Amino acid sequence: MNSFKQFGIKVKSKSFVGDKVKMSKILNKEIIVHDYKIEDSKIPSYHDRGAGKCLCLQIENRGEKCIVFTSSSGLLEAIQQVPDTDFPFSTTIIQENDRFKFT
């Protein structure tokens, strides 16, 4: 009988650590972004508005690792342009009008 170990299967999904924090708790504060993943949003109203995607950020805030979720199209678009070799990086997320952006 085969053993699972023999298959050499590696899970590709990323798992993040820390408590979930609201964007309002880190807004206008310097943070370190360690990693991210983009998934389909689990909130039906976001699909209705056309967003449909959720950005999950693994961040560090004042020395503690935590996780932030957002459907911000500005942040989604910007984070995908950061080369993998440039992680981690420091940034401040600000709100400009109704949009979030990295500075």
N, C-alpha and C. Protein backbone atom coordinates (compact mmCIF):
# COMPACT_ATOMS: atom_id res chain seq x y z
N MET A 1 0.85 -1.18 0.00
CA MET A 1 0.00 0.00 0.00
C MET A 1 0.90 1.24 0.00
N ASN A 2 0.48 2.26 -0.75
CA ASN A 2 1.22 3.52 -0.80
C ASN A 2 1.03 4.32 0.47
N SER A 3 2.01 5.13 0.75
CA SER A 3 1.90 6.08 1.86
C SER A 3 1.80 7.47 1.23
N PHE A 4 1.07 8.35 1.84
CA PHE A 4 0.89 9.70 1.30
C PHE A 4 2.24 10.37 1.09
N LYS A 5 3.15 10.15 1.98
CA LYS A 5 4.49 10.74 1.91
C LYS A 5 5.18 10.41 0.58
N GLN A 6 4.92 9.24 0.04
CA GLN A 6 5.54 8.80 -1.21
C GLN A 6 5.11 9.65 -2.41
N PHE A 7 3.95 10.26 -2.34
CA PHE A 7 3.43 11.03 -3.46
C PHE A 7 4.20 12.33 -3.68
N GLY A 8 4.87 12.83 -2.65
CA GLY A 8 5.62 14.07 -2.77
C GLY A 8 4.77 15.28 -3.07
N ILE A 9 3.55 15.28 -2.58
CA ILE A 9 2.61 16.38 -2.83
C ILE A 9 2.95 17.56 -1.93
N LYS A 10 3.07 18.73 -2.54
CA LYS A 10 3.33 19.96 -1.81
C LYS A 10 2.10 20.85 -1.95
N VAL A 11 1.59 21.34 -0.84
CA VAL A 11 0.43 22.23 -0.85
C VAL A 11 0.91 23.61 -1.30
N LYS A 12 0.22 24.17 -2.29
CA LYS A 12 0.63 25.45 -2.86
C LYS A 12 0.01 26.65 -2.16
N SER A 13 -1.04 26.44 -1.39
CA SER A 13 -1.69 27.58 -0.75
C SER A 13 -0.83 28.12 0.39
N LYS A 14 -0.90 29.43 0.56
CA LYS A 14 -0.13 30.10 1.60
C LYS A 14 -0.97 30.17 2.86
N SER A 15 -0.36 29.98 4.00
CA SER A 15 -1.08 30.17 5.24
C SER A 15 -0.41 31.30 6.00
N PHE A 16 -1.22 32.21 6.47
CA PHE A 16 -0.72 33.38 7.18
C PHE A 16 -0.99 33.23 8.67
N VAL A 17 -0.22 33.95 9.47
CA VAL A 17 -0.35 33.86 10.92
C VAL A 17 -0.74 35.21 11.50
N GLY A 18 -1.37 35.15 12.66
CA GLY A 18 -1.74 36.38 13.37
C GLY A 18 -3.23 36.61 13.39
N ASP A 19 -3.60 37.59 14.17
CA ASP A 19 -5.01 37.96 14.28
C ASP A 19 -5.43 38.80 13.08
N LYS A 20 -6.71 38.70 12.74
CA LYS A 20 -7.28 39.53 11.69
C LYS A 20 -7.51 40.93 12.27
N VAL A 21 -7.04 41.96 11.55
CA VAL A 21 -7.27 43.33 11.99
C VAL A 21 -8.00 44.10 10.90
N LYS A 22 -8.77 45.07 11.32
CA LYS A 22 -9.51 45.91 10.38
C LYS A 22 -8.57 46.93 9.76
N MET A 23 -8.85 47.30 8.54
CA MET A 23 -8.06 48.29 7.84
C MET A 23 -7.97 49.59 8.64
N SER A 24 -9.04 49.96 9.32
CA SER A 24 -9.05 51.21 10.08
C SER A 24 -8.00 51.22 11.20
N LYS A 25 -7.60 50.05 11.67
CA LYS A 25 -6.61 49.96 12.76
C LYS A 25 -5.19 50.22 12.27
N ILE A 26 -4.94 50.03 10.97
CA ILE A 26 -3.58 50.23 10.45
C ILE A 26 -3.48 51.41 9.49
N LEU A 27 -4.59 52.03 9.18
CA LEU A 27 -4.62 53.15 8.25
C LEU A 27 -3.73 54.28 8.76
N ASN A 28 -2.91 54.82 7.89
CA ASN A 28 -1.99 55.93 8.21
C ASN A 28 -0.89 55.56 9.19
N LYS A 29 -0.61 54.27 9.33
CA LYS A 29 0.47 53.81 10.20
C LYS A 29 1.46 53.01 9.36
N GLU A 30 2.74 53.14 9.66
CA GLU A 30 3.72 52.37 8.90
C GLU A 30 3.63 50.90 9.28
N ILE A 31 3.59 50.05 8.26
CA ILE A 31 3.51 48.60 8.44
C ILE A 31 4.57 47.94 7.55
N ILE A 32 4.80 46.67 7.78
CA ILE A 32 5.65 45.88 6.91
C ILE A 32 4.77 44.83 6.25
N VAL A 33 4.80 44.78 4.93
CA VAL A 33 4.04 43.78 4.18
C VAL A 33 4.98 42.62 3.88
N HIS A 34 4.66 41.44 4.42
CA HIS A 34 5.49 40.25 4.23
C HIS A 34 5.07 39.43 3.02
N ASP A 35 3.77 39.35 2.77
CA ASP A 35 3.28 38.50 1.69
C ASP A 35 1.83 38.85 1.42
N TYR A 36 1.28 38.29 0.37
CA TYR A 36 -0.13 38.50 0.05
C TYR A 36 -0.65 37.32 -0.75
N LYS A 37 -1.97 37.23 -0.78
CA LYS A 37 -2.64 36.31 -1.68
C LYS A 37 -3.96 36.94 -2.10
N ILE A 38 -4.39 36.58 -3.29
CA ILE A 38 -5.65 37.11 -3.83
C ILE A 38 -6.57 35.93 -4.05
N GLU A 39 -7.76 36.04 -3.50
CA GLU A 39 -8.75 34.97 -3.59
C GLU A 39 -10.07 35.55 -4.05
N ASP A 40 -11.00 34.68 -4.40
CA ASP A 40 -12.36 35.13 -4.67
C ASP A 40 -12.97 35.59 -3.36
N SER A 41 -13.67 36.70 -3.40
CA SER A 41 -14.30 37.24 -2.21
C SER A 41 -15.44 36.33 -1.75
N LYS A 42 -15.58 36.21 -0.45
CA LYS A 42 -16.66 35.41 0.12
C LYS A 42 -17.90 36.25 0.41
N ILE A 43 -17.81 37.56 0.12
CA ILE A 43 -18.92 38.47 0.40
C ILE A 43 -19.70 38.71 -0.90
N PRO A 44 -20.95 38.20 -0.95
CA PRO A 44 -21.73 38.28 -2.19
C PRO A 44 -21.90 39.70 -2.74
N SER A 45 -22.04 40.70 -1.89
CA SER A 45 -22.27 42.06 -2.39
C SER A 45 -21.06 42.58 -3.18
N TYR A 46 -19.86 42.10 -2.87
CA TYR A 46 -18.67 42.52 -3.63
C TYR A 46 -18.72 41.96 -5.05
N HIS A 47 -19.29 40.77 -5.21
CA HIS A 47 -19.42 40.20 -6.54
C HIS A 47 -20.42 41.02 -7.36
N ASP A 48 -21.48 41.48 -6.71
CA ASP A 48 -22.50 42.27 -7.39
C ASP A 48 -21.94 43.60 -7.89
N ARG A 49 -20.98 44.17 -7.15
CA ARG A 49 -20.39 45.45 -7.54
C ARG A 49 -19.23 45.28 -8.52
N GLY A 50 -18.90 44.05 -8.84
CA GLY A 50 -17.86 43.82 -9.83
C GLY A 50 -16.49 43.53 -9.27
N ALA A 51 -16.28 43.74 -7.96
CA ALA A 51 -14.95 43.51 -7.38
C ALA A 51 -14.65 42.01 -7.42
N GLY A 52 -15.35 41.26 -6.63
CA GLY A 52 -15.23 39.81 -6.66
C GLY A 52 -13.94 39.23 -6.13
N LYS A 53 -12.93 40.05 -5.87
CA LYS A 53 -11.64 39.56 -5.38
C LYS A 53 -11.36 40.12 -3.99
N CYS A 54 -10.60 39.36 -3.23
CA CYS A 54 -10.22 39.76 -1.89
C CYS A 54 -8.69 39.67 -1.77
N LEU A 55 -8.08 40.73 -1.29
CA LEU A 55 -6.64 40.76 -1.05
C LEU A 55 -6.41 40.46 0.42
N CYS A 56 -5.59 39.45 0.66
CA CYS A 56 -5.21 39.08 2.03
C CYS A 56 -3.74 39.45 2.20
N LEU A 57 -3.47 40.35 3.13
CA LEU A 57 -2.10 40.80 3.38
C LEU A 57 -1.57 40.21 4.68
N GLN A 58 -0.38 39.65 4.63
CA GLN A 58 0.34 39.24 5.85
C GLN A 58 1.22 40.43 6.19
N ILE A 59 0.89 41.11 7.28
CA ILE A 59 1.63 42.31 7.64
C ILE A 59 2.23 42.19 9.03
N GLU A 60 3.07 43.14 9.33
CA GLU A 60 3.60 43.29 10.68
C GLU A 60 3.30 44.72 11.11
N ASN A 61 2.67 44.84 12.26
CA ASN A 61 2.30 46.14 12.80
C ASN A 61 2.85 46.22 14.22
N ARG A 62 3.77 47.11 14.44
CA ARG A 62 4.42 47.27 15.76
C ARG A 62 4.98 45.96 16.29
N GLY A 63 5.64 45.21 15.41
CA GLY A 63 6.30 43.98 15.81
C GLY A 63 5.43 42.75 15.86
N GLU A 64 4.13 42.89 15.62
CA GLU A 64 3.21 41.75 15.65
C GLU A 64 2.71 41.43 14.25
N LYS A 65 2.76 40.15 13.90
CA LYS A 65 2.22 39.74 12.60
C LYS A 65 0.70 39.66 12.69
N CYS A 66 0.04 40.15 11.66
CA CYS A 66 -1.41 40.07 11.59
C CYS A 66 -1.84 40.01 10.14
N ILE A 67 -3.14 39.86 9.95
CA ILE A 67 -3.71 39.66 8.62
C ILE A 67 -4.77 40.73 8.37
N VAL A 68 -4.74 41.29 7.17
CA VAL A 68 -5.72 42.30 6.77
C VAL A 68 -6.37 41.84 5.47
N PHE A 69 -7.69 41.94 5.41
CA PHE A 69 -8.45 41.60 4.20
C PHE A 69 -9.05 42.87 3.62
N THR A 70 -9.02 42.99 2.30
CA THR A 70 -9.63 44.14 1.64
C THR A 70 -10.02 43.78 0.21
N SER A 71 -11.00 44.47 -0.31
CA SER A 71 -11.36 44.30 -1.72
C SER A 71 -10.97 45.54 -2.52
N SER A 72 -10.10 46.37 -1.94
CA SER A 72 -9.67 47.60 -2.59
C SER A 72 -8.99 47.32 -3.92
N SER A 73 -9.58 47.81 -5.00
CA SER A 73 -9.01 47.57 -6.32
C SER A 73 -7.66 48.26 -6.48
N GLY A 74 -7.48 49.41 -5.83
CA GLY A 74 -6.20 50.12 -5.90
C GLY A 74 -5.08 49.31 -5.26
N LEU A 75 -5.34 48.74 -4.09
CA LEU A 75 -4.33 47.92 -3.42
C LEU A 75 -4.09 46.62 -4.18
N LEU A 76 -5.17 46.01 -4.69
CA LEU A 76 -5.04 44.78 -5.47
C LEU A 76 -4.15 45.01 -6.69
N GLU A 77 -4.39 46.08 -7.40
CA GLU A 77 -3.62 46.36 -8.60
C GLU A 77 -2.16 46.67 -8.27
N ALA A 78 -1.94 47.46 -7.23
CA ALA A 78 -0.58 47.87 -6.88
C ALA A 78 0.27 46.70 -6.38
N ILE A 79 -0.27 45.87 -5.50
CA ILE A 79 0.52 44.79 -4.89
C ILE A 79 0.99 43.78 -5.93
N GLN A 80 0.22 43.59 -6.98
CA GLN A 80 0.60 42.64 -8.02
C GLN A 80 1.79 43.11 -8.85
N GLN A 81 2.11 44.40 -8.75
CA GLN A 81 3.23 44.95 -9.49
C GLN A 81 4.54 44.90 -8.70
N VAL A 82 4.47 44.51 -7.44
CA VAL A 82 5.68 44.41 -6.62
C VAL A 82 6.35 43.06 -6.91
N PRO A 83 7.61 43.06 -7.34
CA PRO A 83 8.30 41.80 -7.60
C PRO A 83 8.44 40.96 -6.32
N ASP A 84 8.34 39.65 -6.46
CA ASP A 84 8.45 38.74 -5.31
C ASP A 84 9.74 38.96 -4.54
N THR A 85 10.79 39.35 -5.24
CA THR A 85 12.10 39.55 -4.59
C THR A 85 12.15 40.80 -3.72
N ASP A 86 11.13 41.66 -3.82
CA ASP A 86 11.11 42.90 -3.03
C ASP A 86 10.31 42.81 -1.74
N PHE A 87 9.85 41.61 -1.40
CA PHE A 87 9.16 41.39 -0.13
C PHE A 87 10.18 40.99 0.91
N PRO A 88 10.01 41.37 2.14
CA PRO A 88 9.03 42.31 2.69
C PRO A 88 9.40 43.75 2.36
N PHE A 89 8.39 44.63 2.49
CA PHE A 89 8.63 46.07 2.29
C PHE A 89 7.78 46.85 3.29
N SER A 90 8.23 48.07 3.58
CA SER A 90 7.47 48.91 4.50
C SER A 90 6.61 49.87 3.69
N THR A 91 5.48 50.22 4.24
CA THR A 91 4.55 51.13 3.57
C THR A 91 3.57 51.69 4.59
N THR A 92 2.83 52.67 4.15
CA THR A 92 1.70 53.20 4.89
C THR A 92 0.51 53.15 3.95
N ILE A 93 -0.60 52.63 4.41
CA ILE A 93 -1.82 52.63 3.60
C ILE A 93 -2.62 53.86 3.99
N ILE A 94 -2.95 54.66 2.99
CA ILE A 94 -3.74 55.86 3.24
C ILE A 94 -5.05 55.76 2.47
N GLN A 95 -6.00 56.57 2.89
CA GLN A 95 -7.26 56.64 2.18
C GLN A 95 -7.32 57.98 1.48
N GLU A 96 -7.45 57.93 0.17
CA GLU A 96 -7.54 59.14 -0.64
C GLU A 96 -8.89 59.13 -1.32
N ASN A 97 -9.75 60.05 -0.93
CA ASN A 97 -11.15 60.04 -1.34
C ASN A 97 -11.77 58.73 -0.85
N ASP A 98 -12.26 57.89 -1.74
CA ASP A 98 -12.85 56.62 -1.31
C ASP A 98 -11.94 55.44 -1.61
N ARG A 99 -10.68 55.69 -1.90
CA ARG A 99 -9.76 54.61 -2.30
C ARG A 99 -8.59 54.50 -1.34
N PHE A 100 -8.15 53.25 -1.13
CA PHE A 100 -6.95 53.00 -0.35
C PHE A 100 -5.76 52.94 -1.31
N LYS A 101 -4.60 53.39 -0.82
CA LYS A 101 -3.40 53.23 -1.64
C LYS A 101 -2.17 53.11 -0.75
N PHE A 102 -1.15 52.43 -1.30
CA PHE A 102 0.13 52.32 -0.61
C PHE A 102 0.93 53.58 -0.85
N THR A 103 1.70 54.00 0.15
CA THR A 103 2.59 55.16 -0.05
C THR A 103 4.00 54.76 0.28
